[in-house]
Amino acid sequence: MSIKKWFPTEEACELLGLGRTNLMMLKESDLVAGIHYVFVTGKRRGTIGWDVAAIQEWQIKRSQEIVNRSKQIANDVETYSKMGV
């Protein structure tokens, strides 16, 4: 049994909980060709295939980074206030 790796844009959007515009913006800024997506036809204007599992992993890592950054900022503020006492 073969496991589907590359999903068409509409299906990827549904599985990822993203709109098409957001997915395309991520493609231009954060996602990596050959890892998160491919040009299925081998041509730049061709159909894009999305690796939903790889993008979900990216979503998890980014979420963790955001939370950790927020916690670090809160810790820095707390440390700073203690220094002023």
PDB file of N, CA and C in Angstrom:
ATOM      1  N   MET A   1       0.838  -1.194   0.000  1.00  0.00           N
ATOM      2  CA  MET A   1       0.000   0.000   0.000  1.00  0.00           C
ATOM      3  C   MET A   1       0.879   1.252   0.000  1.00  0.00           C
ATOM      4  N   SER A   2       0.600   2.159  -0.890  1.00  0.00           N
ATOM      5  CA  SER A   2       1.364   3.390  -1.018  1.00  0.00           C
ATOM      6  C   SER A   2       0.721   4.492  -0.170  1.00  0.00           C
ATOM      7  N   ILE A   3       1.545   5.250   0.521  1.00  0.00           N
ATOM      8  CA  ILE A   3       1.051   6.375   1.308  1.00  0.00           C
ATOM      9  C   ILE A   3       1.218   7.641   0.475  1.00  0.00           C
ATOM     10  N   LYS A   4       0.148   8.399   0.364  1.00  0.00           N
ATOM     11  CA  LYS A   4       0.163   9.629  -0.426  1.00  0.00           C
ATOM     12  C   LYS A   4       1.041  10.661   0.268  1.00  0.00           C
ATOM     13  N   LYS A   5       1.996  11.218  -0.466  1.00  0.00           N
ATOM     14  CA  LYS A   5       2.896  12.216   0.108  1.00  0.00           C
ATOM     15  C   LYS A   5       2.544  13.624  -0.334  1.00  0.00           C
ATOM     16  N   TRP A   6       2.267  13.810  -1.607  1.00  0.00           N
ATOM     17  CA  TRP A   6       2.042  15.149  -2.153  1.00  0.00           C
ATOM     18  C   TRP A   6       0.557  15.381  -2.387  1.00  0.00           C
ATOM     19  N   PHE A   7       0.016  16.372  -1.697  1.00  0.00           N
ATOM     20  CA  PHE A   7      -1.409  16.684  -1.770  1.00  0.00           C
ATOM     21  C   PHE A   7      -1.631  17.931  -2.619  1.00  0.00           C
ATOM     22  N   PRO A   8      -2.745  17.977  -3.365  1.00  0.00           N
ATOM     23  CA  PRO A   8      -3.068  19.204  -4.094  1.00  0.00           C
ATOM     24  C   PRO A   8      -3.399  20.330  -3.116  1.00  0.00           C
ATOM     25  N   THR A   9      -3.301  21.552  -3.590  1.00  0.00           N
ATOM     26  CA  THR A   9      -3.447  22.734  -2.731  1.00  0.00           C
ATOM     27  C   THR A   9      -4.735  22.729  -1.922  1.00  0.00           C
ATOM     28  N   GLU A  10      -5.876  22.475  -2.560  1.00  0.00           N
ATOM     29  CA  GLU A  10      -7.150  22.536  -1.832  1.00  0.00           C
ATOM     30  C   GLU A  10      -7.203  21.515  -0.701  1.00  0.00           C
ATOM     31  N   GLU A  11      -6.737  20.315  -0.974  1.00  0.00           N
ATOM     32  CA  GLU A  11      -6.741  19.264   0.044  1.00  0.00           C
ATOM     33  C   GLU A  11      -5.755  19.597   1.170  1.00  0.00           C
ATOM     34  N   ALA A  12      -4.596  20.125   0.808  1.00  0.00           N
ATOM     35  CA  ALA A  12      -3.608  20.510   1.813  1.00  0.00           C
ATOM     36  C   ALA A  12      -4.161  21.603   2.725  1.00  0.00           C
ATOM     37  N   CYS A  13      -4.826  22.590   2.128  1.00  0.00           N
ATOM     38  CA  CYS A  13      -5.419  23.667   2.927  1.00  0.00           C
ATOM     39  C   CYS A  13      -6.404  23.115   3.944  1.00  0.00           C
ATOM     40  N   GLU A  14      -7.233  22.201   3.501  1.00  0.00           N
ATOM     41  CA  GLU A  14      -8.243  21.616   4.397  1.00  0.00           C
ATOM     42  C   GLU A  14      -7.570  20.832   5.528  1.00  0.00           C
ATOM     43  N   LEU A  15      -6.587  20.027   5.187  1.00  0.00           N
ATOM     44  CA  LEU A  15      -5.913  19.201   6.195  1.00  0.00           C
ATOM     45  C   LEU A  15      -5.090  20.031   7.177  1.00  0.00           C
ATOM     46  N   LEU A  16      -4.559  21.162   6.711  1.00  0.00           N
ATOM     47  CA  LEU A  16      -3.708  22.002   7.555  1.00  0.00           C
ATOM     48  C   LEU A  16      -4.476  23.085   8.304  1.00  0.00           C
ATOM     49  N   GLY A  17      -5.722  23.294   7.937  1.00  0.00           N
ATOM     50  CA  GLY A  17      -6.501  24.357   8.579  1.00  0.00           C
ATOM     51  C   GLY A  17      -6.040  25.739   8.138  1.00  0.00           C
ATOM     52  N   LEU A  18      -5.560  25.837   6.898  1.00  0.00           N
ATOM     53  CA  LEU A  18      -5.065  27.104   6.365  1.00  0.00           C
ATOM     54  C   LEU A  18      -5.852  27.495   5.125  1.00  0.00           C
ATOM     55  N   GLY A  19      -5.966  28.783   4.905  1.00  0.00           N
ATOM     56  CA  GLY A  19      -6.530  29.258   3.654  1.00  0.00           C
ATOM     57  C   GLY A  19      -5.467  29.221   2.565  1.00  0.00           C
ATOM     58  N   ARG A  20      -5.907  29.248   1.335  1.00  0.00           N
ATOM     59  CA  ARG A  20      -4.981  29.205   0.194  1.00  0.00           C
ATOM     60  C   ARG A  20      -3.976  30.361   0.248  1.00  0.00           C
ATOM     61  N   THR A  21      -4.454  31.558   0.543  1.00  0.00           N
ATOM     62  CA  THR A  21      -3.575  32.726   0.591  1.00  0.00           C
ATOM     63  C   THR A  21      -2.490  32.547   1.644  1.00  0.00           C
ATOM     64  N   ASN A  22      -2.873  32.086   2.835  1.00  0.00           N
ATOM     65  CA  ASN A  22      -1.878  31.871   3.891  1.00  0.00           C
ATOM     66  C   ASN A  22      -0.868  30.806   3.502  1.00  0.00           C
ATOM     67  N   LEU A  23      -1.335  29.731   2.878  1.00  0.00           N
ATOM     68  CA  LEU A  23      -0.422  28.674   2.457  1.00  0.00           C
ATOM     69  C   LEU A  23       0.573  29.210   1.426  1.00  0.00           C
ATOM     70  N   MET A  24       0.096  29.987   0.477  1.00  0.00           N
ATOM     71  CA  MET A  24       0.983  30.551  -0.540  1.00  0.00           C
ATOM     72  C   MET A  24       1.964  31.552   0.067  1.00  0.00           C
ATOM     73  N   MET A  25       1.513  32.322   1.057  1.00  0.00           N
ATOM     74  CA  MET A  25       2.422  33.250   1.739  1.00  0.00           C
ATOM     75  C   MET A  25       3.515  32.479   2.480  1.00  0.00           C
ATOM     76  N   LEU A  26       3.143  31.372   3.126  1.00  0.00           N
ATOM     77  CA  LEU A  26       4.142  30.542   3.810  1.00  0.00           C
ATOM     78  C   LEU A  26       5.131  29.966   2.802  1.00  0.00           C
ATOM     79  N   LYS A  27       4.645  29.584   1.644  1.00  0.00           N
ATOM     80  CA  LYS A  27       5.513  29.044   0.590  1.00  0.00           C
ATOM     81  C   LYS A  27       6.582  30.068   0.216  1.00  0.00           C
ATOM     82  N   GLU A  28       6.195  31.322   0.145  1.00  0.00           N
ATOM     83  CA  GLU A  28       7.132  32.372  -0.246  1.00  0.00           C
ATOM     84  C   GLU A  28       8.084  32.775   0.876  1.00  0.00           C
ATOM     85  N   SER A  29       7.697  32.544   2.127  1.00  0.00           N
ATOM     86  CA  SER A  29       8.512  33.064   3.234  1.00  0.00           C
ATOM     87  C   SER A  29       9.174  31.995   4.101  1.00  0.00           C
ATOM     88  N   ASP A  30       8.485  30.915   4.407  1.00  0.00           N
ATOM     89  CA  ASP A  30       8.982  29.987   5.420  1.00  0.00           C
ATOM     90  C   ASP A  30       9.165  28.547   4.960  1.00  0.00           C
ATOM     91  N   LEU A  31       8.341  28.093   4.044  1.00  0.00           N
ATOM     92  CA  LEU A  31       8.412  26.693   3.633  1.00  0.00           C
ATOM     93  C   LEU A  31       9.527  26.488   2.616  1.00  0.00           C
ATOM     94  N   VAL A  32      10.066  25.266   2.582  1.00  0.00           N
ATOM     95  CA  VAL A  32      11.230  24.960   1.755  1.00  0.00           C
ATOM     96  C   VAL A  32      10.840  24.028   0.609  1.00  0.00           C
ATOM     97  N   ALA A  33      11.209  24.434  -0.601  1.00  0.00           N
ATOM     98  CA  ALA A  33      10.960  23.594  -1.778  1.00  0.00           C
ATOM     99  C   ALA A  33      11.711  22.276  -1.626  1.00  0.00           C
ATOM    100  N   GLY A  34      11.043  21.185  -1.990  1.00  0.00           N
ATOM    101  CA  GLY A  34      11.646  19.862  -1.888  1.00  0.00           C
ATOM    102  C   GLY A  34      11.417  19.207  -0.544  1.00  0.00           C
ATOM    103  N   ILE A  35      11.039  20.002   0.449  1.00  0.00           N
ATOM    104  CA  ILE A  35      10.714  19.470   1.778  1.00  0.00           C
ATOM    105  C   ILE A  35       9.220  19.635   2.042  1.00  0.00           C
ATOM    106  N   HIS A  36       8.745  20.863   1.957  1.00  0.00           N
ATOM    107  CA  HIS A  36       7.341  21.154   2.240  1.00  0.00           C
ATOM    108  C   HIS A  36       6.461  21.119   0.993  1.00  0.00           C
ATOM    109  N   TYR A  37       7.050  21.358  -0.146  1.00  0.00           N
ATOM    110  CA  TYR A  37       6.287  21.347  -1.397  1.00  0.00           C
ATOM    111  C   TYR A  37       7.213  21.043  -2.568  1.00  0.00           C
ATOM    112  N   VAL A  38       6.602  20.619  -3.664  1.00  0.00           N
ATOM    113  CA  VAL A  38       7.331  20.398  -4.922  1.00  0.00           C
ATOM    114  C   VAL A  38       6.471  20.899  -6.079  1.00  0.00           C
ATOM    115  N   PHE A  39       7.129  21.168  -7.182  1.00  0.00           N
ATOM    116  CA  PHE A  39       6.430  21.422  -8.428  1.00  0.00           C
ATOM    117  C   PHE A  39       6.276  20.056  -9.084  1.00  0.00           C
ATOM    118  N   VAL A  40       5.094  19.501  -8.987  1.00  0.00           N
ATOM    119  CA  VAL A  40       4.837  18.122  -9.400  1.00  0.00           C
ATOM    120  C   VAL A  40       5.235  17.881 -10.855  1.00  0.00           C
ATOM    121  N   THR A  41       4.997  18.857 -11.711  1.00  0.00           N
ATOM    122  CA  THR A  41       5.316  18.695 -13.129  1.00  0.00           C
ATOM    123  C   THR A  41       6.777  19.005 -13.435  1.00  0.00           C
ATOM    124  N   GLY A  42       7.502  19.515 -12.435  1.00  0.00           N
ATOM    125  CA  GLY A  42       8.889  19.907 -12.655  1.00  0.00           C
ATOM    126  C   GLY A  42       9.022  21.276 -13.297  1.00  0.00           C
ATOM    127  N   LYS A  43       7.910  22.005 -13.394  1.00  0.00           N
ATOM    128  CA  LYS A  43       7.919  23.346 -13.977  1.00  0.00           C
ATOM    129  C   LYS A  43       7.370  24.339 -12.966  1.00  0.00           C
ATOM    130  N   ARG A  44       7.981  25.501 -12.898  1.00  0.00           N
ATOM    131  CA  ARG A  44       7.623  26.517 -11.906  1.00  0.00           C
ATOM    132  C   ARG A  44       6.135  26.885 -11.932  1.00  0.00           C
ATOM    133  N   ARG A  45       5.538  26.926 -13.059  1.00  0.00           N
ATOM    134  CA  ARG A  45       4.120  27.279 -13.161  1.00  0.00           C
ATOM    135  C   ARG A  45       3.225  26.045 -13.112  1.00  0.00           C
ATOM    136  N   GLY A  46       3.806  24.905 -12.804  1.00  0.00           N
ATOM    137  CA  GLY A  46       3.042  23.664 -12.758  1.00  0.00           C
ATOM    138  C   GLY A  46       2.314  23.484 -11.442  1.00  0.00           C
ATOM    139  N   THR A  47       1.650  22.377 -11.339  1.00  0.00           N
ATOM    140  CA  THR A  47       0.901  22.020 -10.131  1.00  0.00           C
ATOM    141  C   THR A  47       1.851  21.877  -8.949  1.00  0.00           C
ATOM    142  N   ILE A  48       1.413  22.382  -7.790  1.00  0.00           N
ATOM    143  CA  ILE A  48       2.208  22.261  -6.564  1.00  0.00           C
ATOM    144  C   ILE A  48       1.661  21.088  -5.758  1.00  0.00           C
ATOM    145  N   GLY A  49       2.559  20.265  -5.266  1.00  0.00           N
ATOM    146  CA  GLY A  49       2.203  19.194  -4.343  1.00  0.00           C
ATOM    147  C   GLY A  49       2.738  19.545  -2.965  1.00  0.00           C
ATOM    148  N   TRP A  50       1.922  19.356  -1.950  1.00  0.00           N
ATOM    149  CA  TRP A  50       2.271  19.753  -0.588  1.00  0.00           C
ATOM    150  C   TRP A  50       2.472  18.526   0.287  1.00  0.00           C
ATOM    151  N   ASP A  51       3.555  18.503   1.058  1.00  0.00           N
ATOM    152  CA  ASP A  51       3.798  17.434   2.027  1.00  0.00           C
ATOM    153  C   ASP A  51       3.156  17.872   3.342  1.00  0.00           C
ATOM    154  N   VAL A  52       1.939  17.437   3.549  1.00  0.00           N
ATOM    155  CA  VAL A  52       1.156  17.864   4.712  1.00  0.00           C
ATOM    156  C   VAL A  52       1.860  17.492   6.021  1.00  0.00           C
ATOM    157  N   ALA A  53       2.439  16.300   6.096  1.00  0.00           N
ATOM    158  CA  ALA A  53       3.121  15.869   7.326  1.00  0.00           C
ATOM    159  C   ALA A  53       4.300  16.788   7.644  1.00  0.00           C
ATOM    160  N   ALA A  54       5.074  17.169   6.636  1.00  0.00           N
ATOM    161  CA  ALA A  54       6.224  18.057   6.863  1.00  0.00           C
ATOM    162  C   ALA A  54       5.756  19.447   7.291  1.00  0.00           C
ATOM    163  N   ILE A  55       4.669  19.922   6.702  1.00  0.00           N
ATOM    164  CA  ILE A  55       4.152  21.241   7.078  1.00  0.00           C
ATOM    165  C   ILE A  55       3.576  21.198   8.487  1.00  0.00           C
ATOM    166  N   GLN A  56       2.913  20.104   8.854  1.00  0.00           N
ATOM    167  CA  GLN A  56       2.404  19.965  10.220  1.00  0.00           C
ATOM    168  C   GLN A  56       3.560  19.978  11.228  1.00  0.00           C
ATOM    169  N   GLU A  57       4.651  19.322  10.886  1.00  0.00           N
ATOM    170  CA  GLU A  57       5.834  19.342  11.754  1.00  0.00           C
ATOM    171  C   GLU A  57       6.368  20.763  11.885  1.00  0.00           C
ATOM    172  N   TRP A  58       6.391  21.503  10.779  1.00  0.00           N
ATOM    173  CA  TRP A  58       6.814  22.903  10.804  1.00  0.00           C
ATOM    174  C   TRP A  58       5.874  23.727  11.692  1.00  0.00           C
ATOM    175  N   GLN A  59       4.552  23.481  11.578  1.00  0.00           N
ATOM    176  CA  GLN A  59       3.577  24.207  12.403  1.00  0.00           C
ATOM    177  C   GLN A  59       3.831  23.961  13.888  1.00  0.00           C
ATOM    178  N   ILE A  60       4.122  22.721  14.238  1.00  0.00           N
ATOM    179  CA  ILE A  60       4.389  22.368  15.637  1.00  0.00           C
ATOM    180  C   ILE A  60       5.635  23.095  16.136  1.00  0.00           C
ATOM    181  N   LYS A  61       6.717  23.039  15.360  1.00  0.00           N
ATOM    182  CA  LYS A  61       7.972  23.691  15.762  1.00  0.00           C
ATOM    183  C   LYS A  61       7.796  25.194  15.903  1.00  0.00           C
ATOM    184  N   ARG A  62       7.104  25.815  14.944  1.00  0.00           N
ATOM    185  CA  ARG A  62       6.877  27.262  15.023  1.00  0.00           C
ATOM    186  C   ARG A  62       6.028  27.619  16.233  1.00  0.00           C
ATOM    187  N   SER A  63       5.016  26.811  16.528  1.00  0.00           N
ATOM    188  CA  SER A  63       4.170  27.064  17.703  1.00  0.00           C
ATOM    189  C   SER A  63       4.998  26.989  18.973  1.00  0.00           C
ATOM    190  N   GLN A  64       5.879  26.000  19.057  1.00  0.00           N
ATOM    191  CA  GLN A  64       6.746  25.861  20.226  1.00  0.00           C
ATOM    192  C   GLN A  64       7.690  27.054  20.347  1.00  0.00           C
ATOM    193  N   GLU A  65       8.234  27.506  19.233  1.00  0.00           N
ATOM    194  CA  GLU A  65       9.116  28.676  19.248  1.00  0.00           C
ATOM    195  C   GLU A  65       8.379  29.914  19.745  1.00  0.00           C
ATOM    196  N   ILE A  66       7.159  30.097  19.285  1.00  0.00           N
ATOM    197  CA  ILE A  66       6.363  31.258  19.697  1.00  0.00           C
ATOM    198  C   ILE A  66       6.103  31.224  21.198  1.00  0.00           C
ATOM    199  N   VAL A  67       5.700  30.069  21.698  1.00  0.00           N
ATOM    200  CA  VAL A  67       5.413  29.935  23.129  1.00  0.00           C
ATOM    201  C   VAL A  67       6.680  30.127  23.943  1.00  0.00           C
ATOM    202  N   ASN A  68       7.763  29.500  23.523  1.00  0.00           N
ATOM    203  CA  ASN A  68       9.027  29.628  24.256  1.00  0.00           C
ATOM    204  C   ASN A  68       9.530  31.059  24.266  1.00  0.00           C
ATOM    205  N   ARG A  69       9.380  31.766  23.142  1.00  0.00           N
ATOM    206  CA  ARG A  69       9.795  33.164  23.059  1.00  0.00           C
ATOM    207  C   ARG A  69       8.962  34.013  24.025  1.00  0.00           C
ATOM    208  N   SER A  70       7.662  33.752  24.083  1.00  0.00           N
ATOM    209  CA  SER A  70       6.788  34.496  24.998  1.00  0.00           C
ATOM    210  C   SER A  70       7.181  34.241  26.443  1.00  0.00           C
ATOM    211  N   LYS A  71       7.466  32.985  26.751  1.00  0.00           N
ATOM    212  CA  LYS A  71       7.885  32.652  28.119  1.00  0.00           C
ATOM    213  C   LYS A  71       9.204  33.319  28.458  1.00  0.00           C
ATOM    214  N   GLN A  72      10.135  33.347  27.508  1.00  0.00           N
ATOM    215  CA  GLN A  72      11.437  33.969  27.740  1.00  0.00           C
ATOM    216  C   GLN A  72      11.281  35.467  27.973  1.00  0.00           C
ATOM    217  N   ILE A  73      10.423  36.105  27.187  1.00  0.00           N
ATOM    218  CA  ILE A  73      10.180  37.537  27.372  1.00  0.00           C
ATOM    219  C   ILE A  73       9.602  37.792  28.758  1.00  0.00           C
ATOM    220  N   ALA A  74       8.641  36.963  29.184  1.00  0.00           N
ATOM    221  CA  ALA A  74       8.050  37.111  30.522  1.00  0.00           C
ATOM    222  C   ALA A  74       9.107  36.896  31.597  1.00  0.00           C
ATOM    223  N   ASN A  75       9.963  35.916  31.424  1.00  0.00           N
ATOM    224  CA  ASN A  75      11.028  35.659  32.397  1.00  0.00           C
ATOM    225  C   ASN A  75      12.012  36.817  32.454  1.00  0.00           C
ATOM    226  N   ASP A  76      12.343  37.383  31.309  1.00  0.00           N
ATOM    227  CA  ASP A  76      13.257  38.520  31.261  1.00  0.00           C
ATOM    228  C   ASP A  76      12.669  39.715  31.990  1.00  0.00           C
ATOM    229  N   VAL A  77      11.379  39.955  31.802  1.00  0.00           N
ATOM    230  CA  VAL A  77      10.721  41.065  32.482  1.00  0.00           C
ATOM    231  C   VAL A  77      10.725  40.825  33.977  1.00  0.00           C
ATOM    232  N   GLU A  78      10.419  39.604  34.397  1.00  0.00           N
ATOM    233  CA  GLU A  78      10.412  39.279  35.816  1.00  0.00           C
ATOM    234  C   GLU A  78      11.804  39.460  36.406  1.00  0.00           C
ATOM    235  N   THR A  79      12.831  39.012  35.725  1.00  0.00           N
ATOM    236  CA  THR A  79      14.212  39.151  36.195  1.00  0.00           C
ATOM    237  C   THR A  79      14.593  40.612  36.288  1.00  0.00           C
ATOM    238  N   TYR A  80      14.198  41.386  35.301  1.00  0.00           N
ATOM    239  CA  TYR A  80      14.513  42.812  35.285  1.00  0.00           C
ATOM    240  C   TYR A  80      13.874  43.526  36.477  1.00  0.00           C
ATOM    241  N   SER A  81      12.620  43.185  36.780  1.00  0.00           N
ATOM    242  CA  SER A  81      11.943  43.850  37.886  1.00  0.00           C
ATOM    243  C   SER A  81      12.588  43.487  39.218  1.00  0.00           C
ATOM    244  N   LYS A  82      13.107  42.288  39.332  1.00  0.00           N
ATOM    245  CA  LYS A  82      13.786  41.890  40.573  1.00  0.00           C
ATOM    246  C   LYS A  82      15.095  42.650  40.743  1.00  0.00           C
ATOM    247  N   MET A  83      15.754  42.979  39.647  1.00  0.00           N
ATOM    248  CA  MET A  83      17.031  43.691  39.725  1.00  0.00           C
ATOM    249  C   MET A  83      16.844  45.117  40.219  1.00  0.00           C
ATOM    250  N   GLY A  84      15.685  45.716  39.939  1.00  0.00           N
ATOM    251  CA  GLY A  84      15.435  47.082  40.326  1.00  0.00           C
ATOM    252  C   GLY A  84      15.060  47.256  41.784  1.00  0.00           C
ATOM    253  N   VAL A  85      14.823  46.154  42.476  1.00  0.00           N
ATOM    254  CA  VAL A  85      14.367  46.242  43.861  1.00  0.00           C
ATOM    255  C   VAL A  85      15.492  46.600  44.776  1.00  0.00           C
TER     256      VAL A  85
END
